[in-house]
């Protein structure tokens, strides 16, 4: 698999838009779009930011292995990486992001009601 496909897939698997990932990694959204379309190859500094954020190996990101690797990243380097959440939390967040704004308000109200009990 090409780097461009891997970067796009890992973003989508974690329920992030290019804009959201751009903000988290402090990399321009246009740059991320170019990486994902194959117009540009990522700089090593940006690949490291991806690896830290998604808590995977550089080998995984560049297609040298199908195994994400057993990577431990310091909290200050991860910039609040998605893997700080459990798989269930990431899946729920992905579903939430797909809701309309009205449905998001209803979901928030339901959650508030549950947490009061």
PDB file of N, CA and C in Angstrom:
ATOM      1  N   UNK A   1       0.842  -1.178   0.000  1.00  0.00           N
ATOM      2  CA  UNK A   1       0.000   0.000   0.000  1.00  0.00           C
ATOM      3  C   UNK A   1       0.890   1.245   0.000  1.00  0.00           C
ATOM      4  N   UNK A   2       0.456   2.292  -0.668  1.00  0.00           N
ATOM      5  CA  UNK A   2       1.210   3.539  -0.750  1.00  0.00           C
ATOM      6  C   UNK A   2       1.050   4.356   0.535  1.00  0.00           C
ATOM      7  N   UNK A   3       2.046   5.202   0.808  1.00  0.00           N
ATOM      8  CA  UNK A   3       1.987   6.071   1.983  1.00  0.00           C
ATOM      9  C   UNK A   3       0.705   6.893   1.965  1.00  0.00           C
ATOM     10  N   UNK A   4       0.361   7.432   0.803  1.00  0.00           N
ATOM     11  CA  UNK A   4      -0.835   8.272   0.701  1.00  0.00           C
ATOM     12  C   UNK A   4      -2.079   7.512   1.160  1.00  0.00           C
ATOM     13  N   UNK A   5      -2.206   6.260   0.762  1.00  0.00           N
ATOM     14  CA  UNK A   5      -3.367   5.446   1.140  1.00  0.00           C
ATOM     15  C   UNK A   5      -3.356   5.136   2.632  1.00  0.00           C
ATOM     16  N   UNK A   6      -2.177   4.851   3.161  1.00  0.00           N
ATOM     17  CA  UNK A   6      -2.057   4.533   4.586  1.00  0.00           C
ATOM     18  C   UNK A   6      -2.441   5.736   5.431  1.00  0.00           C
ATOM     19  N   UNK A   7      -1.937   6.916   5.070  1.00  0.00           N
ATOM     20  CA  UNK A   7      -2.247   8.121   5.849  1.00  0.00           C
ATOM     21  C   UNK A   7      -3.739   8.443   5.808  1.00  0.00           C
ATOM     22  N   UNK A   8      -4.337   8.281   4.652  1.00  0.00           N
ATOM     23  CA  UNK A   8      -5.777   8.540   4.539  1.00  0.00           C
ATOM     24  C   UNK A   8      -6.568   7.516   5.339  1.00  0.00           C
ATOM     25  N   UNK A   9      -6.206   6.233   5.203  1.00  0.00           N
ATOM     26  CA  UNK A   9      -6.929   5.170   5.900  1.00  0.00           C
ATOM     27  C   UNK A   9      -6.850   5.322   7.413  1.00  0.00           C
ATOM     28  N   UNK A  10      -5.672   5.628   7.933  1.00  0.00           N
ATOM     29  CA  UNK A  10      -5.537   5.728   9.391  1.00  0.00           C
ATOM     30  C   UNK A  10      -6.353   6.912   9.923  1.00  0.00           C
ATOM     31  N   UNK A  11      -6.419   7.986   9.138  1.00  0.00           N
ATOM     32  CA  UNK A  11      -7.241   9.137   9.542  1.00  0.00           C
ATOM     33  C   UNK A  11      -8.714   8.748   9.557  1.00  0.00           C
ATOM     34  N   UNK A  12      -9.168   8.112   8.487  1.00  0.00           N
ATOM     35  CA  UNK A  12     -10.579   7.734   8.382  1.00  0.00           C
ATOM     36  C   UNK A  12     -10.964   6.688   9.424  1.00  0.00           C
ATOM     37  N   UNK A  13     -10.082   5.726   9.683  1.00  0.00           N
ATOM     38  CA  UNK A  13     -10.351   4.694  10.687  1.00  0.00           C
ATOM     39  C   UNK A  13     -10.549   5.296  12.070  1.00  0.00           C
ATOM     40  N   UNK A  14      -9.958   6.456  12.290  1.00  0.00           N
ATOM     41  CA  UNK A  14     -10.077   7.114  13.582  1.00  0.00           C
ATOM     42  C   UNK A  14     -11.121   8.215  13.576  1.00  0.00           C
ATOM     43  N   UNK A  15     -11.926   8.265  12.518  1.00  0.00           N
ATOM     44  CA  UNK A  15     -13.062   9.178  12.468  1.00  0.00           C
ATOM     45  C   UNK A  15     -12.704  10.649  12.432  1.00  0.00           C
ATOM     46  N   UNK A  16     -11.573  10.982  11.812  1.00  0.00           N
ATOM     47  CA  UNK A  16     -11.136  12.374  11.763  1.00  0.00           C
ATOM     48  C   UNK A  16     -11.269  12.939  10.351  1.00  0.00           C
ATOM     49  N   UNK A  17     -11.625  14.211  10.269  1.00  0.00           N
ATOM     50  CA  UNK A  17     -11.570  14.911   8.989  1.00  0.00           C
ATOM     51  C   UNK A  17     -10.147  15.411   8.797  1.00  0.00           C
ATOM     52  N   UNK A  18      -9.840  15.824   7.581  1.00  0.00           N
ATOM     53  CA  UNK A  18      -8.517  16.405   7.334  1.00  0.00           C
ATOM     54  C   UNK A  18      -8.338  17.648   8.208  1.00  0.00           C
ATOM     55  N   UNK A  19      -9.383  18.436   8.356  1.00  0.00           N
ATOM     56  CA  UNK A  19      -9.291  19.656   9.165  1.00  0.00           C
ATOM     57  C   UNK A  19      -8.985  19.327  10.625  1.00  0.00           C
ATOM     58  N   UNK A  20      -9.690  18.338  11.174  1.00  0.00           N
ATOM     59  CA  UNK A  20      -9.457  17.957  12.567  1.00  0.00           C
ATOM     60  C   UNK A  20      -8.026  17.461  12.767  1.00  0.00           C
ATOM     61  N   UNK A  21      -7.564  16.624  11.845  1.00  0.00           N
ATOM     62  CA  UNK A  21      -6.201  16.111  11.955  1.00  0.00           C
ATOM     63  C   UNK A  21      -5.191  17.245  11.810  1.00  0.00           C
ATOM     64  N   UNK A  22      -5.473  18.157  10.908  1.00  0.00           N
ATOM     65  CA  UNK A  22      -4.610  19.317  10.698  1.00  0.00           C
ATOM     66  C   UNK A  22      -4.432  20.108  11.990  1.00  0.00           C
ATOM     67  N   UNK A  23      -5.536  20.332  12.678  1.00  0.00           N
ATOM     68  CA  UNK A  23      -5.488  21.085  13.940  1.00  0.00           C
ATOM     69  C   UNK A  23      -4.718  20.324  15.016  1.00  0.00           C
ATOM     70  N   UNK A  24      -4.934  19.012  15.086  1.00  0.00           N
ATOM     71  CA  UNK A  24      -4.265  18.203  16.108  1.00  0.00           C
ATOM     72  C   UNK A  24      -2.760  18.096  15.876  1.00  0.00           C
ATOM     73  N   UNK A  25      -2.373  17.946  14.598  1.00  0.00           N
ATOM     74  CA  UNK A  25      -0.953  17.756  14.284  1.00  0.00           C
ATOM     75  C   UNK A  25      -0.219  19.064  14.023  1.00  0.00           C
ATOM     76  N   UNK A  26      -0.984  20.148  13.914  1.00  0.00           N
ATOM     77  CA  UNK A  26      -0.410  21.455  13.574  1.00  0.00           C
ATOM     78  C   UNK A  26       0.319  21.389  12.234  1.00  0.00           C
ATOM     79  N   UNK A  27      -0.350  20.727  11.277  1.00  0.00           N
ATOM     80  CA  UNK A  27       0.104  20.614   9.897  1.00  0.00           C
ATOM     81  C   UNK A  27      -1.032  21.183   9.055  1.00  0.00           C
ATOM     82  N   UNK A  28      -0.727  21.958   8.049  1.00  0.00           N
ATOM     83  CA  UNK A  28      -1.760  22.561   7.220  1.00  0.00           C
ATOM     84  C   UNK A  28      -2.680  21.532   6.578  1.00  0.00           C
ATOM     85  N   UNK A  29      -3.970  21.872   6.491  1.00  0.00           N
ATOM     86  CA  UNK A  29      -4.941  20.964   5.889  1.00  0.00           C
ATOM     87  C   UNK A  29      -4.588  20.690   4.425  1.00  0.00           C
ATOM     88  N   UNK A  30      -4.110  21.698   3.714  1.00  0.00           N
ATOM     89  CA  UNK A  30      -3.717  21.503   2.310  1.00  0.00           C
ATOM     90  C   UNK A  30      -2.551  20.521   2.211  1.00  0.00           C
ATOM     91  N   UNK A  31      -1.656  20.569   3.184  1.00  0.00           N
ATOM     92  CA  UNK A  31      -0.524  19.638   3.196  1.00  0.00           C
ATOM     93  C   UNK A  31      -1.020  18.207   3.391  1.00  0.00           C
ATOM     94  N   UNK A  32      -1.946  18.021   4.329  1.00  0.00           N
ATOM     95  CA  UNK A  32      -2.509  16.697   4.561  1.00  0.00           C
ATOM     96  C   UNK A  32      -3.218  16.197   3.305  1.00  0.00           C
ATOM     97  N   UNK A  33      -3.955  17.080   2.645  1.00  0.00           N
ATOM     98  CA  UNK A  33      -4.647  16.704   1.399  1.00  0.00           C
ATOM     99  C   UNK A  33      -3.636  16.268   0.337  1.00  0.00           C
ATOM    100  N   UNK A  34      -2.528  16.976   0.237  1.00  0.00           N
ATOM    101  CA  UNK A  34      -1.486  16.606  -0.733  1.00  0.00           C
ATOM    102  C   UNK A  34      -0.856  15.266  -0.389  1.00  0.00           C
ATOM    103  N   UNK A  35      -0.639  14.999   0.901  1.00  0.00           N
ATOM    104  CA  UNK A  35      -0.097  13.708   1.316  1.00  0.00           C
ATOM    105  C   UNK A  35      -1.055  12.592   0.924  1.00  0.00           C
ATOM    106  N   UNK A  36      -2.349  12.799   1.207  1.00  0.00           N
ATOM    107  CA  UNK A  36      -3.337  11.754   0.978  1.00  0.00           C
ATOM    108  C   UNK A  36      -3.624  11.531  -0.509  1.00  0.00           C
ATOM    109  N   UNK A  37      -3.408  12.534  -1.325  1.00  0.00           N
ATOM    110  CA  UNK A  37      -3.636  12.379  -2.764  1.00  0.00           C
ATOM    111  C   UNK A  37      -2.379  11.899  -3.488  1.00  0.00           C
ATOM    112  N   UNK A  38      -1.262  11.850  -2.771  1.00  0.00           N
ATOM    113  CA  UNK A  38      -0.008  11.414  -3.364  1.00  0.00           C
ATOM    114  C   UNK A  38       0.728  12.509  -4.120  1.00  0.00           C
ATOM    115  N   UNK A  39       0.263  13.752  -3.996  1.00  0.00           N
ATOM    116  CA  UNK A  39       0.931  14.865  -4.677  1.00  0.00           C
ATOM    117  C   UNK A  39       2.246  15.228  -4.012  1.00  0.00           C
ATOM    118  N   UNK A  40       2.357  14.957  -2.706  1.00  0.00           N
ATOM    119  CA  UNK A  40       3.580  15.245  -1.952  1.00  0.00           C
ATOM    120  C   UNK A  40       3.885  14.091  -1.027  1.00  0.00           C
ATOM    121  N   UNK A  41       5.166  13.893  -0.764  1.00  0.00           N
ATOM    122  CA  UNK A  41       5.605  12.924   0.237  1.00  0.00           C
ATOM    123  C   UNK A  41       5.800  13.669   1.553  1.00  0.00           C
ATOM    124  N   UNK A  42       5.381  13.071   2.668  1.00  0.00           N
ATOM    125  CA  UNK A  42       5.532  13.756   3.955  1.00  0.00           C
ATOM    126  C   UNK A  42       6.993  13.886   4.383  1.00  0.00           C
ATOM    127  N   UNK A  43       7.310  15.005   5.014  1.00  0.00           N
ATOM    128  CA  UNK A  43       8.617  15.200   5.626  1.00  0.00           C
ATOM    129  C   UNK A  43       8.707  14.275   6.842  1.00  0.00           C
ATOM    130  N   UNK A  44       9.887  13.885   7.214  1.00  0.00           N
ATOM    131  CA  UNK A  44      10.078  12.962   8.338  1.00  0.00           C
ATOM    132  C   UNK A  44       9.492  13.536   9.626  1.00  0.00           C
ATOM    133  N   UNK A  45       9.614  14.834   9.833  1.00  0.00           N
ATOM    134  CA  UNK A  45       9.060  15.459  11.047  1.00  0.00           C
ATOM    135  C   UNK A  45       7.548  15.244  11.098  1.00  0.00           C
ATOM    136  N   UNK A  46       6.884  15.371   9.948  1.00  0.00           N
ATOM    137  CA  UNK A  46       5.438  15.186   9.916  1.00  0.00           C
ATOM    138  C   UNK A  46       5.064  13.708  10.052  1.00  0.00           C
ATOM    139  N   UNK A  47       5.881  12.819   9.495  1.00  0.00           N
ATOM    140  CA  UNK A  47       5.623  11.382   9.694  1.00  0.00           C
ATOM    141  C   UNK A  47       5.729  11.012  11.167  1.00  0.00           C
ATOM    142  N   UNK A  48       6.697  11.602  11.845  1.00  0.00           N
ATOM    143  CA  UNK A  48       6.847  11.347  13.286  1.00  0.00           C
ATOM    144  C   UNK A  48       5.633  11.869  14.034  1.00  0.00           C
ATOM    145  N   UNK A  49       5.113  13.032  13.631  1.00  0.00           N
ATOM    146  CA  UNK A  49       3.906  13.575  14.265  1.00  0.00           C
ATOM    147  C   UNK A  49       2.730  12.614  14.073  1.00  0.00           C
ATOM    148  N   UNK A  50       2.589  12.076  12.867  1.00  0.00           N
ATOM    149  CA  UNK A  50       1.541  11.075  12.612  1.00  0.00           C
ATOM    150  C   UNK A  50       1.745   9.861  13.519  1.00  0.00           C
ATOM    151  N   UNK A  51       2.966   9.336  13.550  1.00  0.00           N
ATOM    152  CA  UNK A  51       3.255   8.135  14.339  1.00  0.00           C
ATOM    153  C   UNK A  51       2.978   8.375  15.818  1.00  0.00           C
ATOM    154  N   UNK A  52       3.374   9.535  16.333  1.00  0.00           N
ATOM    155  CA  UNK A  52       3.104   9.856  17.737  1.00  0.00           C
ATOM    156  C   UNK A  52       1.605   9.951  17.993  1.00  0.00           C
ATOM    157  N   UNK A  53       0.905  10.650  17.115  1.00  0.00           N
ATOM    158  CA  UNK A  53      -0.522  10.875  17.309  1.00  0.00           C
ATOM    159  C   UNK A  53      -1.310   9.569  17.259  1.00  0.00           C
ATOM    160  N   UNK A  54      -1.038   8.747  16.246  1.00  0.00           N
ATOM    161  CA  UNK A  54      -1.770   7.499  16.081  1.00  0.00           C
ATOM    162  C   UNK A  54      -1.122   6.329  16.818  1.00  0.00           C
ATOM    163  N   UNK A  55      -0.034   6.611  17.520  1.00  0.00           N
ATOM    164  CA  UNK A  55       0.689   5.618  18.313  1.00  0.00           C
ATOM    165  C   UNK A  55       0.981   4.360  17.487  1.00  0.00           C
ATOM    166  N   UNK A  56       1.649   4.591  16.369  1.00  0.00           N
ATOM    167  CA  UNK A  56       2.049   3.483  15.494  1.00  0.00           C
ATOM    168  C   UNK A  56       3.502   3.696  15.083  1.00  0.00           C
ATOM    169  N   UNK A  57       4.058   2.688  14.445  1.00  0.00           N
ATOM    170  CA  UNK A  57       5.453   2.785  14.029  1.00  0.00           C
ATOM    171  C   UNK A  57       5.574   3.535  12.702  1.00  0.00           C
ATOM    172  N   UNK A  58       6.751   4.092  12.461  1.00  0.00           N
ATOM    173  CA  UNK A  58       7.029   4.709  11.168  1.00  0.00           C
ATOM    174  C   UNK A  58       6.999   3.663  10.061  1.00  0.00           C
ATOM    175  N   UNK A  59       7.457   2.456  10.354  1.00  0.00           N
ATOM    176  CA  UNK A  59       7.419   1.377   9.369  1.00  0.00           C
ATOM    177  C   UNK A  59       5.989   1.123   8.899  1.00  0.00           C
ATOM    178  N   UNK A  60       5.032   1.187   9.818  1.00  0.00           N
ATOM    179  CA  UNK A  60       3.633   1.000   9.439  1.00  0.00           C
ATOM    180  C   UNK A  60       3.183   2.124   8.496  1.00  0.00           C
ATOM    181  N   UNK A  61       3.517   3.352   8.828  1.00  0.00           N
ATOM    182  CA  UNK A  61       3.080   4.499   8.030  1.00  0.00           C
ATOM    183  C   UNK A  61       3.657   4.500   6.616  1.00  0.00           C
ATOM    184  N   UNK A  62       4.857   3.959   6.459  1.00  0.00           N
ATOM    185  CA  UNK A  62       5.476   3.967   5.131  1.00  0.00           C
ATOM    186  C   UNK A  62       5.267   2.636   4.393  1.00  0.00           C
ATOM    187  N   UNK A  63       4.464   1.751   4.965  1.00  0.00           N
ATOM    188  CA  UNK A  63       4.098   0.532   4.279  1.00  0.00           C
ATOM    189  C   UNK A  63       5.102  -0.597   4.362  1.00  0.00           C
ATOM    190  N   UNK A  64       6.037  -0.528   5.311  1.00  0.00           N
ATOM    191  CA  UNK A  64       7.041  -1.597   5.445  1.00  0.00           C
ATOM    192  C   UNK A  64       6.519  -2.768   6.262  1.00  0.00           C
ATOM    193  N   UNK A  65       5.415  -2.564   6.984  1.00  0.00           N
ATOM    194  CA  UNK A  65       4.805  -3.626   7.785  1.00  0.00           C
ATOM    195  C   UNK A  65       3.314  -3.367   7.883  1.00  0.00           C
ATOM    196  N   UNK A  66       2.550  -4.447   8.070  1.00  0.00           N
ATOM    197  CA  UNK A  66       1.105  -4.317   8.285  1.00  0.00           C
ATOM    198  C   UNK A  66       0.777  -4.185   9.765  1.00  0.00           C
ATOM    199  N   UNK A  67       1.788  -4.366  10.616  1.00  0.00           N
ATOM    200  CA  UNK A  67       1.621  -4.298  12.062  1.00  0.00           C
ATOM    201  C   UNK A  67       1.880  -2.861  12.519  1.00  0.00           C
ATOM    202  N   UNK A  68       0.919  -2.278  13.231  1.00  0.00           N
ATOM    203  CA  UNK A  68       1.078  -0.894  13.680  1.00  0.00           C
ATOM    204  C   UNK A  68       2.247  -0.742  14.647  1.00  0.00           C
ATOM    205  N   UNK A  69       2.684  -1.826  15.235  1.00  0.00           N
ATOM    206  CA  UNK A  69       3.825  -1.770  16.154  1.00  0.00           C
ATOM    207  C   UNK A  69       3.363  -1.532  17.570  1.00  0.00           C
ATOM    208  N   UNK A  70       4.231  -1.871  18.487  1.00  0.00           N
ATOM    209  CA  UNK A  70       3.959  -1.669  19.906  1.00  0.00           C
ATOM    210  C   UNK A  70       4.731  -0.431  20.325  1.00  0.00           C
ATOM    211  N   UNK A  71       4.115   0.725  20.155  1.00  0.00           N
ATOM    212  CA  UNK A  71       4.794   1.992  20.350  1.00  0.00           C
ATOM    213  C   UNK A  71       4.255   2.671  21.592  1.00  0.00           C
ATOM    214  N   UNK A  72       5.148   3.133  22.439  1.00  0.00           N
ATOM    215  CA  UNK A  72       4.773   3.912  23.601  1.00  0.00           C
ATOM    216  C   UNK A  72       5.251   5.335  23.384  1.00  0.00           C
ATOM    217  N   UNK A  73       4.339   6.267  23.534  1.00  0.00           N
ATOM    218  CA  UNK A  73       4.645   7.665  23.271  1.00  0.00           C
ATOM    219  C   UNK A  73       4.353   8.464  24.520  1.00  0.00           C
ATOM    220  N   UNK A  74       5.277   9.354  24.886  1.00  0.00           N
ATOM    221  CA  UNK A  74       5.051  10.233  26.020  1.00  0.00           C
ATOM    222  C   UNK A  74       3.867  11.139  25.772  1.00  0.00           C
ATOM    223  N   UNK A  75       3.100  11.430  26.800  1.00  0.00           N
ATOM    224  CA  UNK A  75       1.884  12.231  26.648  1.00  0.00           C
ATOM    225  C   UNK A  75       2.160  13.589  26.016  1.00  0.00           C
ATOM    226  N   UNK A  76       3.287  14.194  26.351  1.00  0.00           N
ATOM    227  CA  UNK A  76       3.597  15.510  25.792  1.00  0.00           C
ATOM    228  C   UNK A  76       3.883  15.437  24.302  1.00  0.00           C
ATOM    229  N   UNK A  77       4.307  14.282  23.800  1.00  0.00           N
ATOM    230  CA  UNK A  77       4.590  14.129  22.368  1.00  0.00           C
ATOM    231  C   UNK A  77       3.362  13.718  21.589  1.00  0.00           C
ATOM    232  N   UNK A  78       2.433  13.044  22.222  1.00  0.00           N
ATOM    233  CA  UNK A  78       1.282  12.510  21.503  1.00  0.00           C
ATOM    234  C   UNK A  78       0.265  13.578  21.118  1.00  0.00           C
ATOM    235  N   UNK A  79       0.336  14.750  21.742  1.00  0.00           N
ATOM    236  CA  UNK A  79      -0.610  15.831  21.469  1.00  0.00           C
ATOM    237  C   UNK A  79      -2.052  15.366  21.583  1.00  0.00           C
ATOM    238  N   UNK A  80      -2.304  14.566  22.609  1.00  0.00           N
ATOM    239  CA  UNK A  80      -3.669  14.086  22.800  1.00  0.00           C
ATOM    240  C   UNK A  80      -4.089  13.086  21.750  1.00  0.00           C
ATOM    241  N   UNK A  81      -3.214  12.175  21.390  1.00  0.00           N
ATOM    242  CA  UNK A  81      -3.471  11.205  20.338  1.00  0.00           C
ATOM    243  C   UNK A  81      -4.773  10.442  20.517  1.00  0.00           C
ATOM    244  N   UNK A  82      -5.325   9.968  19.402  1.00  0.00           N
ATOM    245  CA  UNK A  82      -6.597   9.274  19.439  1.00  0.00           C
ATOM    246  C   UNK A  82      -6.521   7.998  20.249  1.00  0.00           C
ATOM    247  N   UNK A  83      -5.364   7.403  20.354  1.00  0.00           N
ATOM    248  CA  UNK A  83      -5.264   6.157  21.091  1.00  0.00           C
ATOM    249  C   UNK A  83      -5.276   6.367  22.593  1.00  0.00           C
ATOM    250  N   UNK A  84      -5.380   7.631  23.039  1.00  0.00           N
ATOM    251  CA  UNK A  84      -5.577   7.900  24.452  1.00  0.00           C
ATOM    252  C   UNK A  84      -6.990   7.456  24.837  1.00  0.00           C
ATOM    253  N   UNK A  85      -7.860   7.277  23.842  1.00  0.00           N
ATOM    254  CA  UNK A  85      -9.215   6.797  24.057  1.00  0.00           C
ATOM    255  C   UNK A  85      -9.246   5.291  23.804  1.00  0.00           C
ATOM    256  N   UNK A  86     -10.212   4.637  24.425  1.00  0.00           N
ATOM    257  CA  UNK A  86     -10.402   3.210  24.165  1.00  0.00           C
ATOM    258  C   UNK A  86     -11.009   3.038  22.771  1.00  0.00           C
ATOM    259  N   UNK A  87     -10.977   1.829  22.275  1.00  0.00           N
ATOM    260  CA  UNK A  87     -11.565   1.539  20.960  1.00  0.00           C
ATOM    261  C   UNK A  87     -13.058   1.856  20.960  1.00  0.00           C
ATOM    262  N   UNK A  88     -13.751   1.553  22.061  1.00  0.00           N
ATOM    263  CA  UNK A  88     -15.183   1.856  22.161  1.00  0.00           C
ATOM    264  C   UNK A  88     -15.423   3.365  22.113  1.00  0.00           C
ATOM    265  N   UNK A  89     -14.577   4.118  22.805  1.00  0.00           N
ATOM    266  CA  UNK A  89     -14.724   5.572  22.802  1.00  0.00           C
ATOM    267  C   UNK A  89     -14.482   6.153  21.407  1.00  0.00           C
ATOM    268  N   UNK A  90     -13.472   5.641  20.708  1.00  0.00           N
ATOM    269  CA  UNK A  90     -13.196   6.118  19.346  1.00  0.00           C
ATOM    270  C   UNK A  90     -14.346   5.796  18.408  1.00  0.00           C
ATOM    271  N   UNK A  91     -14.913   4.587  18.548  1.00  0.00           N
ATOM    272  CA  UNK A  91     -16.038   4.190  17.698  1.00  0.00           C
ATOM    273  C   UNK A  91     -17.249   5.073  17.970  1.00  0.00           C
ATOM    274  N   UNK A  92     -17.518   5.348  19.236  1.00  0.00           N
ATOM    275  CA  UNK A  92     -18.644   6.203  19.597  1.00  0.00           C
ATOM    276  C   UNK A  92     -18.438   7.625  19.082  1.00  0.00           C
ATOM    277  N   UNK A  93     -17.224   8.128  19.207  1.00  0.00           N
ATOM    278  CA  UNK A  93     -16.921   9.460  18.706  1.00  0.00           C
ATOM    279  C   UNK A  93     -17.097   9.527  17.189  1.00  0.00           C
ATOM    280  N   UNK A  94     -16.672   8.489  16.494  1.00  0.00           N
ATOM    281  CA  UNK A  94     -16.856   8.435  15.039  1.00  0.00           C
ATOM    282  C   UNK A  94     -18.328   8.499  14.659  1.00  0.00           C
ATOM    283  N   UNK A  95     -19.169   7.766  15.388  1.00  0.00           N
ATOM    284  CA  UNK A  95     -20.617   7.791  15.135  1.00  0.00           C
ATOM    285  C   UNK A  95     -21.192   9.170  15.442  1.00  0.00           C
ATOM    286  N   UNK A  96     -20.752   9.758  16.558  1.00  0.00           N
ATOM    287  CA  UNK A  96     -21.243  11.078  16.957  1.00  0.00           C
ATOM    288  C   UNK A  96     -20.939  12.126  15.885  1.00  0.00           C
ATOM    289  N   UNK A  97     -19.748  12.067  15.324  1.00  0.00           N
ATOM    290  CA  UNK A  97     -19.335  13.053  14.328  1.00  0.00           C
ATOM    291  C   UNK A  97     -20.187  12.998  13.066  1.00  0.00           C
ATOM    292  N   UNK A  98     -20.818  11.865  12.808  1.00  0.00           N
ATOM    293  CA  UNK A  98     -21.645  11.706  11.615  1.00  0.00           C
ATOM    294  C   UNK A  98     -23.074  12.216  11.817  1.00  0.00           C
ATOM    295  N   UNK A  99     -23.447  12.543  13.060  1.00  0.00           N
ATOM    296  CA  UNK A  99     -24.801  12.995  13.357  1.00  0.00           C
ATOM    297  C   UNK A  99     -25.013  14.434  12.890  1.00  0.00           C
ATOM    298  N   UNK A 100     -26.274  14.761  12.634  1.00  0.00           N
ATOM    299  CA  UNK A 100     -26.625  16.158  12.356  1.00  0.00           C
ATOM    300  C   UNK A 100     -26.491  16.952  13.650  1.00  0.00           C
ATOM    301  N   UNK A 101     -26.490  18.268  13.552  1.00  0.00           N
ATOM    302  CA  UNK A 101     -26.333  19.081  14.769  1.00  0.00           C
ATOM    303  C   UNK A 101     -27.495  18.858  15.727  1.00  0.00           C
ATOM    304  N   UNK A 102     -28.705  18.681  15.199  1.00  0.00           N
ATOM    305  CA  UNK A 102     -29.852  18.408  16.065  1.00  0.00           C
ATOM    306  C   UNK A 102     -29.720  17.086  16.787  1.00  0.00           C
ATOM    307  N   UNK A 103     -29.263  16.076  16.065  1.00  0.00           N
ATOM    308  CA  UNK A 103     -29.071  14.760  16.676  1.00  0.00           C
ATOM    309  C   UNK A 103     -27.952  14.806  17.719  1.00  0.00           C
ATOM    310  N   UNK A 104     -26.921  15.625  17.468  1.00  0.00           N
ATOM    311  CA  UNK A 104     -25.840  15.771  18.449  1.00  0.00           C
ATOM    312  C   UNK A 104     -26.373  16.376  19.739  1.00  0.00           C
ATOM    313  N   UNK A 105     -27.276  17.356  19.624  1.00  0.00           N
ATOM    314  CA  UNK A 105     -27.877  17.964  20.823  1.00  0.00           C
ATOM    315  C   UNK A 105     -28.692  16.944  21.599  1.00  0.00           C
ATOM    316  N   UNK A 106     -29.465  16.117  20.892  1.00  0.00           N
ATOM    317  CA  UNK A 106     -30.258  15.077  21.550  1.00  0.00           C
ATOM    318  C   UNK A 106     -29.344  14.079  22.255  1.00  0.00           C
ATOM    319  N   UNK A 107     -28.265  13.679  21.573  1.00  0.00           N
ATOM    320  CA  UNK A 107     -27.327  12.721  22.161  1.00  0.00           C
ATOM    321  C   UNK A 107     -26.693  13.301  23.421  1.00  0.00           C
ATOM    322  N   UNK A 108     -26.299  14.566  23.361  1.00  0.00           N
ATOM    323  CA  UNK A 108     -25.691  15.217  24.533  1.00  0.00           C
ATOM    324  C   UNK A 108     -26.694  15.265  25.684  1.00  0.00           C
ATOM    325  N   UNK A 109     -27.953  15.576  25.385  1.00  0.00           N
ATOM    326  CA  UNK A 109     -28.984  15.596  26.426  1.00  0.00           C
ATOM    327  C   UNK A 109     -29.193  14.230  27.045  1.00  0.00           C
ATOM    328  N   UNK A 110     -29.178  13.201  26.206  1.00  0.00           N
ATOM    329  CA  UNK A 110     -29.336  11.838  26.701  1.00  0.00           C
ATOM    330  C   UNK A 110     -28.174  11.454  27.612  1.00  0.00           C
ATOM    331  N   UNK A 111     -26.970  11.796  27.191  1.00  0.00           N
ATOM    332  CA  UNK A 111     -25.781  11.490  27.993  1.00  0.00           C
ATOM    333  C   UNK A 111     -25.830  12.240  29.316  1.00  0.00           C
ATOM    334  N   UNK A 112     -26.235  13.512  29.263  1.00  0.00           N
ATOM    335  CA  UNK A 112     -26.369  14.291  30.506  1.00  0.00           C
ATOM    336  C   UNK A 112     -27.356  13.621  31.451  1.00  0.00           C
ATOM    337  N   UNK A 113     -28.480  13.137  30.900  1.00  0.00           N
ATOM    338  CA  UNK A 113     -29.477  12.463  31.722  1.00  0.00           C
ATOM    339  C   UNK A 113     -28.942  11.185  32.342  1.00  0.00           C
ATOM    340  N   UNK A 114     -28.154  10.442  31.589  1.00  0.00           N
ATOM    341  CA  UNK A 114     -27.564   9.210  32.115  1.00  0.00           C
ATOM    342  C   UNK A 114     -26.559   9.491  33.218  1.00  0.00           C
ATOM    343  N   UNK A 115     -25.761  10.541  33.044  1.00  0.00           N
ATOM    344  CA  UNK A 115     -24.706  10.813  34.022  1.00  0.00           C
ATOM    345  C   UNK A 115     -25.262  11.402  35.319  1.00  0.00           C
ATOM    346  N   UNK A 116     -26.499  11.892  35.305  1.00  0.00           N
ATOM    347  CA  UNK A 116     -27.109  12.428  36.528  1.00  0.00           C
ATOM    348  C   UNK A 116     -27.623  11.316  37.427  1.00  0.00           C
ATOM    349  N   UNK A 117     -27.833  10.135  36.880  1.00  0.00           N
ATOM    350  CA  UNK A 117     -28.368   9.017  37.663  1.00  0.00           C
ATOM    351  C   UNK A 117     -27.333   8.348  38.488  1.00  0.00           C
TER     352      UNK A 117
END
